[in-house]
Protein backbone atom coordinates (compact mmCIF):
# COMPACT_ATOMS: atom_id res chain seq x y z
CA MET A 1 66.99 -3.96 9.56
CA LYS A 2 67.35 -0.26 9.79
CA ARG A 3 64.99 1.71 12.09
CA ARG A 4 63.40 3.73 9.43
CA SER A 5 62.80 0.92 7.10
CA PHE A 6 61.22 -1.07 10.02
CA ILE A 7 58.89 1.77 10.80
CA GLN A 8 57.91 2.32 7.26
CA LYS A 9 56.52 -1.16 7.39
CA SER A 10 54.44 -0.32 10.48
CA MET A 11 50.96 1.14 10.45
CA ILE A 12 50.30 4.12 12.53
CA THR A 13 46.67 4.99 13.58
CA GLY A 14 46.14 8.23 15.42
CA SER A 15 48.78 8.23 18.30
CA ALA A 16 49.05 4.36 18.58
CA LEU A 17 51.65 2.37 16.86
CA PHE A 18 50.40 -1.09 15.47
CA ILE A 19 53.34 -3.41 14.59
CA SER A 20 53.05 -6.34 12.44
CA GLY A 21 55.43 -9.20 13.21
CA TRP A 22 56.95 -7.31 16.09
CA LYS A 23 59.86 -9.76 17.46
CA GLY A 24 61.32 -7.23 19.79
CA TRP A 25 64.81 -5.61 19.54
CA ALA A 26 66.65 -8.88 20.08
CA SER A 27 66.98 -9.38 16.27
CA PHE A 28 68.42 -5.95 15.63
CA GLN A 29 72.11 -4.91 15.63
CA ASN A 30 72.68 -2.56 18.56
CA GLU A 31 75.09 0.28 17.66
CA LYS A 32 75.36 1.88 21.01
CA TYR A 33 75.36 -0.46 23.86
CA ASP A 34 77.13 -3.67 24.63
CA ALA A 35 74.93 -6.80 24.29
CA LYS A 36 75.71 -7.97 28.01
CA ASP A 37 74.09 -4.58 29.16
CA ILE A 38 70.79 -5.27 27.67
CA SER A 39 68.20 -7.00 29.56
CA ASP A 40 65.95 -9.96 28.69
CA PHE A 41 63.22 -7.63 29.71
CA SER A 42 63.93 -5.07 27.00
CA LYS A 43 63.49 -7.86 24.33
CA ARG A 44 59.77 -8.58 25.85
CA LEU A 45 58.55 -5.17 24.98
CA LYS A 46 56.00 -4.40 22.06
CA PRO A 47 55.32 -0.78 21.59
CA LEU A 48 51.51 0.05 21.44
CA GLY A 49 51.73 3.80 21.37
CA ARG A 50 50.74 7.11 23.12
CA ILE A 51 47.62 7.39 25.23
CA LEU A 52 45.91 10.32 26.93
CA GLU A 53 47.11 13.04 24.78
CA LEU A 54 45.01 15.77 26.25
CA GLU A 55 44.70 19.17 24.50
CA GLY A 56 45.82 22.03 27.02
CA TYR A 57 47.74 19.59 29.41
CA TYR A 58 50.90 18.06 30.13
CA VAL A 59 50.24 14.46 31.28
CA TRP A 60 52.71 12.58 33.40
CA GLY A 61 53.18 9.53 35.70
CA CYS A 62 50.43 7.12 34.61
CA SER A 63 49.65 4.19 36.95
CA PRO A 64 47.39 1.37 35.79
CA ILE A 65 45.17 -1.36 37.40
CA VAL A 66 42.49 -3.70 36.19
CA ALA A 67 39.10 -3.46 37.88
CA PRO A 68 37.09 -6.62 38.81
CA ASP A 69 34.96 -5.93 35.69
CA GLY A 70 37.96 -6.19 33.44
CA LYS A 71 38.20 -2.37 32.68
CA VAL A 72 41.59 -0.77 32.79
CA HIS A 73 41.73 2.25 35.09
CA VAL A 74 44.71 4.62 35.04
CA PHE A 75 45.67 7.41 37.61
CA PHE A 76 47.80 10.16 36.24
CA SER A 77 49.36 13.45 36.84
CA ARG A 78 48.32 16.44 34.77
CA TRP A 79 48.70 20.34 34.80
CA SER A 80 47.91 23.07 32.37
CA SER A 81 50.07 23.56 29.35
CA SER A 82 50.33 27.14 30.04
CA LYS A 83 52.54 26.38 32.97
CA GLY A 84 55.03 24.42 30.88
CA MET A 85 56.99 21.39 32.01
CA GLY A 86 57.78 22.93 35.28
CA GLY A 87 54.22 23.24 36.24
CA TRP A 88 54.40 19.73 37.90
CA ILE A 89 55.92 21.15 41.12
CA ASN A 90 53.39 23.89 41.40
CA SER A 91 50.07 23.01 39.90
CA SER A 92 49.71 19.33 39.19
CA GLU A 93 46.60 17.38 39.95
CA ILE A 94 46.01 13.57 39.85
CA ALA A 95 43.26 12.27 37.36
CA HIS A 96 41.50 9.14 36.58
CA ALA A 97 40.52 7.47 33.20
CA ILE A 98 38.98 4.15 32.00
CA ALA A 99 39.46 2.21 29.09
CA ASP A 100 38.61 -1.48 27.67
CA GLN A 101 42.24 -2.15 26.99
CA PRO A 102 45.57 -0.81 28.17
CA GLU A 103 46.27 1.13 24.94
CA GLY A 104 42.91 2.82 25.14
CA PRO A 105 41.16 4.80 24.08
CA TYR A 106 40.43 6.29 27.51
CA SER A 107 37.22 8.14 28.63
CA LYS A 108 35.51 9.23 31.80
CA ILE A 109 38.43 11.48 32.68
CA GLU A 110 38.08 13.34 35.91
CA THR A 111 40.28 14.97 38.55
CA ILE A 112 40.37 13.26 41.83
CA LEU A 113 43.01 14.87 43.80
CA ALA A 114 43.93 18.55 43.48
CA PRO A 115 45.90 20.97 45.52
CA ARG A 116 44.07 22.23 48.40
CA GLY A 117 45.86 25.11 49.69
CA GLU A 118 49.25 25.86 51.44
CA SER A 119 48.08 24.94 54.94
CA TYR A 120 48.17 21.16 53.75
CA PHE A 121 51.29 19.14 52.86
CA ASP A 122 49.67 18.53 49.45
CA GLY A 123 48.54 22.30 49.12
CA THR A 124 50.40 23.26 45.86
CA THR A 125 50.85 20.01 43.90
CA CYS A 126 49.67 16.45 43.90
CA HIS A 127 51.72 14.32 41.57
CA ASN A 128 53.19 10.77 40.73
CA PRO A 129 50.20 8.50 41.51
CA HIS A 130 50.81 4.67 42.22
CA ILE A 131 47.64 2.69 42.64
CA GLN A 132 47.49 -0.66 44.46
CA TYR A 133 44.76 -2.96 45.52
CA ILE A 134 45.74 -4.32 49.10
CA ASP A 135 43.73 -6.43 51.33
CA GLY A 136 40.33 -5.49 49.90
CA LYS A 137 40.88 -1.71 49.60
CA TYR A 138 42.47 0.74 47.04
CA PHE A 139 45.52 2.55 47.94
CA LEU A 140 46.64 5.55 45.73
CA PHE A 141 50.08 6.59 46.97
CA TYR A 142 51.21 10.00 45.65
CA ILE A 143 53.43 12.99 46.51
CA GLY A 144 52.45 16.49 47.48
CA ASN A 145 54.28 19.66 48.38
CA SER A 146 53.12 22.86 50.38
CA ASN A 147 55.34 25.58 48.98
CA ARG A 148 55.93 24.83 45.36
CA LYS A 149 59.46 23.62 45.87
CA THR A 150 61.10 20.16 46.42
CA ASN A 151 62.00 20.72 50.05
CA THR A 152 58.43 19.98 51.02
CA LYS A 153 57.73 17.00 48.76
CA ARG A 154 56.20 14.09 50.85
CA ILE A 155 54.72 10.76 50.22
CA ALA A 156 51.01 10.27 51.16
CA VAL A 157 48.33 7.62 50.46
CA ALA A 158 44.56 8.05 49.80
CA THR A 159 42.27 5.19 50.19
CA SER A 160 39.05 4.10 48.68
CA GLU A 161 36.51 1.11 48.65
CA SER A 162 36.28 1.72 44.82
CA LEU A 163 38.45 2.71 41.81
CA ASN A 164 35.72 5.30 41.25
CA GLY A 165 36.01 6.90 44.68
CA PRO A 166 35.42 8.70 46.90
CA TRP A 167 39.01 9.08 47.88
CA LYS A 168 39.73 9.66 51.44
CA ARG A 169 43.03 11.54 51.72
CA PRO A 170 45.16 12.23 54.87
CA ASP A 171 46.03 15.27 56.73
CA GLN A 172 49.54 14.10 57.26
CA PRO A 173 52.17 12.60 54.86
CA LEU A 174 52.69 8.82 55.00
CA LEU A 175 56.63 9.14 55.27
CA GLU A 176 58.31 12.36 56.59
CA VAL A 177 62.00 13.34 55.80
CA GLY A 178 64.85 12.06 57.97
CA GLU A 179 66.78 13.74 60.47
CA LYS A 180 68.81 16.78 59.48
CA GLY A 181 72.25 15.68 57.95
CA VAL A 182 71.01 12.18 56.85
CA TRP A 183 70.64 11.05 53.28
CA ASP A 184 66.89 11.78 53.00
CA ASP A 185 66.55 15.09 54.95
CA HIS A 186 65.48 17.06 51.80
CA CYS A 187 62.23 15.20 50.63
CA THR A 188 60.39 11.74 50.20
CA SER A 189 59.16 11.19 46.88
CA ASN A 190 58.33 8.58 43.95
CA PRO A 191 56.62 5.90 46.09
CA SER A 192 56.55 2.28 44.84
CA PHE A 193 54.69 -0.36 47.04
CA ILE A 194 54.66 -4.13 47.29
CA LYS A 195 52.93 -6.51 49.73
CA HIS A 196 56.00 -8.71 50.61
CA PRO A 197 55.48 -12.42 50.65
CA ASN A 198 56.37 -12.35 54.30
CA GLY A 199 53.24 -10.51 54.97
CA GLN A 200 54.79 -7.14 55.61
CA TYR A 201 54.10 -3.87 53.61
CA TRP A 202 57.15 -2.38 51.80
CA LEU A 203 57.37 1.20 50.56
CA TYR A 204 60.29 2.15 48.27
CA TYR A 205 60.98 5.68 47.94
CA LYS A 206 63.36 8.24 46.26
CA ALA A 207 65.12 10.92 48.35
CA TRP A 208 68.21 13.18 48.50
CA ASN A 209 69.64 15.51 51.07
CA ASP A 210 69.77 19.31 51.54
CA GLU A 211 73.57 19.59 51.29
CA GLU A 212 73.77 17.91 47.80
CA TYR A 213 70.80 19.93 46.75
CA MET A 214 72.14 23.38 47.91
CA ASN A 215 75.79 22.66 46.78
CA PRO A 216 75.11 20.41 43.65
CA VAL A 217 77.97 18.77 41.81
CA ASN A 218 76.06 19.41 38.53
CA PRO A 219 73.81 22.64 38.73
CA LYS A 220 71.62 21.26 36.05
CA ILE A 221 70.82 18.06 38.31
CA ARG A 222 70.54 19.18 41.93
CA GLY A 223 71.05 16.50 44.53
CA ASN A 224 71.89 12.79 44.17
CA ARG A 225 68.90 10.53 44.12
CA LYS A 226 69.12 7.50 46.03
CA TYR A 227 66.50 4.83 47.06
CA GLY A 228 65.24 3.85 50.59
CA LEU A 229 63.00 1.30 51.95
CA ALA A 230 60.36 1.63 54.67
CA ILE A 231 58.47 -1.13 56.25
CA ALA A 232 55.03 -1.46 58.14
CA GLU A 233 52.84 -4.15 59.47
CA LYS A 234 49.62 -2.53 58.03
CA PRO A 235 49.49 -0.61 54.65
CA GLU A 236 48.46 2.74 56.43
CA GLY A 237 51.66 2.55 58.46
CA PRO A 238 53.40 3.45 60.55
CA TYR A 239 56.41 2.97 58.08
CA LEU A 240 59.73 2.48 59.72
CA ARG A 241 62.97 3.11 57.68
CA TYR A 242 65.16 0.08 56.87
CA SER A 243 68.28 0.48 59.02
CA GLU A 244 70.71 0.11 56.28
CA ASN A 245 69.14 2.83 53.79
CA PRO A 246 69.78 3.85 51.13
CA ILE A 247 69.47 0.46 49.44
CA ILE A 248 70.41 1.88 46.09
CA ASP A 249 73.28 4.61 45.90
CA TYR A 250 75.21 5.30 42.70
CA SER A 251 77.04 8.19 43.98
CA SER A 252 80.21 6.41 44.41
CA PHE A 253 80.60 5.95 40.66
CA GLY A 254 81.26 9.71 40.27
CA ASN A 255 79.92 12.19 37.83
CA ASN A 256 76.76 12.56 39.89
CA ARG A 257 75.40 9.24 38.65
CA GLN A 258 72.11 8.34 40.17
CA LEU A 259 68.57 6.97 39.39
CA GLU A 260 65.08 7.75 39.82
CA ASP A 261 61.33 6.78 39.08
CA GLY A 262 62.02 3.34 40.76
CA ASN A 263 59.20 0.98 40.29
CA VAL A 264 59.17 -2.52 42.11
CA PHE A 265 57.44 -5.73 41.13
CA ILE A 266 57.63 -9.49 41.59
CA GLU A 267 57.64 -11.97 38.99
CA ASN A 268 58.29 -15.63 39.52
CA GLY A 269 59.48 -14.93 43.05
CA LYS A 270 62.18 -12.50 42.07
CA PHE A 271 62.10 -8.78 42.75
CA TYR A 272 62.72 -6.38 39.91
CA MET A 273 63.08 -2.57 39.85
CA LEU A 274 62.42 -0.46 36.72
CA ALA A 275 63.99 3.02 36.91
CA ARG A 276 65.10 5.96 34.92
CA ASP A 277 68.91 5.86 34.33
CA MET A 278 70.75 9.05 35.22
CA GLY A 279 74.38 8.25 34.04
CA ARG A 280 75.19 4.56 34.66
CA PHE A 281 74.78 4.22 30.86
CA ASP A 282 73.17 7.66 29.92
CA HIS A 283 70.11 9.78 30.24
CA GLU A 284 68.20 8.21 27.59
CA VAL A 285 67.60 4.61 28.60
CA GLY A 286 65.69 2.96 31.40
CA ILE A 287 67.21 0.38 33.57
CA ILE A 288 66.27 -2.81 35.45
CA LEU A 289 67.58 -4.27 38.54
CA GLU A 290 67.00 -7.72 40.00
CA SER A 291 67.08 -8.96 43.71
CA ASP A 292 66.35 -12.21 45.69
CA ASP A 293 65.15 -10.34 48.71
CA GLY A 294 64.00 -6.78 47.65
CA ILE A 295 67.07 -5.27 49.47
CA HIS A 296 70.25 -6.26 47.87
CA TRP A 297 70.04 -5.32 44.05
CA SER A 298 72.05 -6.44 41.04
CA GLU A 299 74.02 -4.02 38.59
CA PRO A 300 71.62 -2.49 36.19
CA LYS A 301 70.87 -3.43 32.86
CA ILE A 302 68.94 -1.55 29.96
CA SER A 303 65.20 -2.17 30.34
CA TYR A 304 64.13 -0.06 27.33
CA PHE A 305 65.71 2.45 25.01
CA GLY A 306 64.92 6.05 23.94
CA VAL A 307 61.80 6.89 22.05
CA SER A 308 63.41 6.98 18.59
CA ARG A 309 64.00 3.17 18.83
CA TYR A 310 60.23 2.55 18.65
CA ILE A 311 58.58 5.42 16.97
CA ASP A 312 59.42 8.25 14.54
CA GLN A 313 59.11 11.73 16.17
CA ALA A 314 58.93 15.29 14.88
CA PRO A 315 62.34 17.30 15.33
CA LYS A 316 62.66 18.41 19.07
CA PRO A 317 60.67 21.44 19.92
CA LYS A 318 62.80 24.10 21.73
CA HIS A 319 60.64 24.06 24.84
CA LEU A 320 60.93 20.40 25.50
CA SER A 321 64.23 19.59 27.28
CA LYS A 322 63.44 15.92 28.15
CA TYR A 323 62.52 15.10 24.57
CA GLY A 324 63.32 11.55 23.39
CA ARG A 325 63.26 9.64 26.55
CA PHE A 326 60.68 7.61 28.65
CA GLU A 327 60.30 8.41 32.35
CA ARG A 328 58.06 6.98 35.24
CA PRO A 329 57.80 3.45 34.34
CA GLN A 330 54.84 1.74 36.18
CA ILE A 331 53.82 -2.05 35.52
CA LEU A 332 50.34 -3.28 34.89
CA MET A 333 50.13 -6.70 36.87
CA GLN A 334 47.43 -9.23 35.92
CA ASN A 335 47.02 -12.55 37.64
CA GLY A 336 50.48 -12.02 39.29
CA LYS A 337 52.11 -11.23 35.78
CA PRO A 338 53.53 -8.13 34.45
CA THR A 339 51.43 -7.67 31.12
CA HIS A 340 52.11 -4.05 30.22
CA LEU A 341 54.66 -1.26 30.87
CA PHE A 342 53.29 2.28 31.17
CA VAL A 343 55.94 5.19 30.74
CA THR A 344 55.74 8.84 29.99
CA THR A 345 57.37 10.85 27.44
CA GLN A 346 57.41 14.44 26.10
CA GLY A 347 56.10 15.39 22.50
CA GLY A 348 52.97 14.07 20.76
CA LYS A 349 50.51 16.10 18.66
CA TYR A 350 50.19 18.86 21.43
CA GLU A 351 53.92 19.08 22.02
CA SER A 352 53.48 18.64 25.78
CA SER A 353 53.78 15.04 27.22
CA SER A 354 51.65 12.00 27.59
CA PRO A 355 52.02 8.36 28.54
CA PHE A 356 53.15 5.52 26.39
CA VAL A 357 52.30 1.82 26.53
CA PHE A 358 54.12 -1.36 25.86
CA LYS A 359 52.80 -4.83 25.72
CA ILE A 360 55.16 -7.20 27.78
CA ASP A 361 55.37 -10.40 25.94
C-alpha cells in the first residue's frame, strides 16, 4: 500500500492522527532500508500525533511520567519563536503540563526552571529534561549552560516530593567535564538515567571533546558525539565515570558518524537505547541498540523512520533545517513496560517544533 493512499484512509483531527486498523510498518514494502536493519521495535509503533503545539514557542525534548492518580505529566523545553531554532542554547526554559492520556490534550502549562543569570551553571539556558521517580522522590535531570555556548553545557538534577513542585535545583552541576584532552572535556549533555537491577544508579550522557569541536571534520556538525556512563551509590551522586568510557563510539566508521539523544530503558531484563542516528544509516531515522549489561551494546537497527512515513506534512519551510525527522526520544514506562514513545519534530501549525507521540503495542 502506498503511503499516500494509506494516509487518505486515516482521519486527522486537529494535530493528532487517529489511524483505523493500524498494523505498523511490517506489512509495508520498504524501498530504502534493508529488512535486516529494521528493528522489531519499529513495528510496534502506532502514531498518535503532535502534542503541545504552543503559539509563540518552539517546544522540544518532552519527557513523560504517570502520576499516582493516573494523570500524565510531561516536562519539556521551550523558548520564544522569535529566537528561531537556535534559541535552545541561549534562552530555553523547562515547562510542565498535565493530561488525562499521553496524546493529550495538555493543560496547566507552567514554567518550572528558567535561566537564572550568568553567575549560575544554568544561567543562560535550561534544556533537555528527563524525569524519573526514584526511591520515593522525583528527579528532574536536565542540562544548563552559563555563556550561551556548548562548552559550558553541564548535566544537573532538580528534585521534588511532588510532580507539581516546588523543585529544588542545585548550585553545582551533577556531572562536570573530563580532564583536558580526554573524550568528554567539552561538555556533559543529554542525560538518561536508570536504577540498575544491582541497586546502583546509572547516568548515561553524551559528550565530545574540544579538539573535535574546534577542528571539525564536518563544519556543519562540530564534534563527534559519543556516549559515556557514570555510576553512583545514591541518585544525588557523586557520580563516578565508568573506567572504559566511552561505551558507544562510532567515529571509527569514518565520515564523522555518531549518535545523540540516547534514552535508555529496561524491558524483560534487557537494556535498550533509543537514539538519533547521525550517519550509521542516515540523518532521518532513529536507531535502537540492545545490551545484556547496559555497557556493551549491539549494532544499531532502525527504531523509527522519518516523519513522512507516518503523516503528511506541508512543504519544508525555509527556516527549518531539521524538518522531517524525529529527535529526542523518551519512553513512557507504566508498570515496568514501555507504553508510549515521545519524540520531537519541527513543523506543525506554527512552523516551529513540537512533540509527537507513538503508542507502543
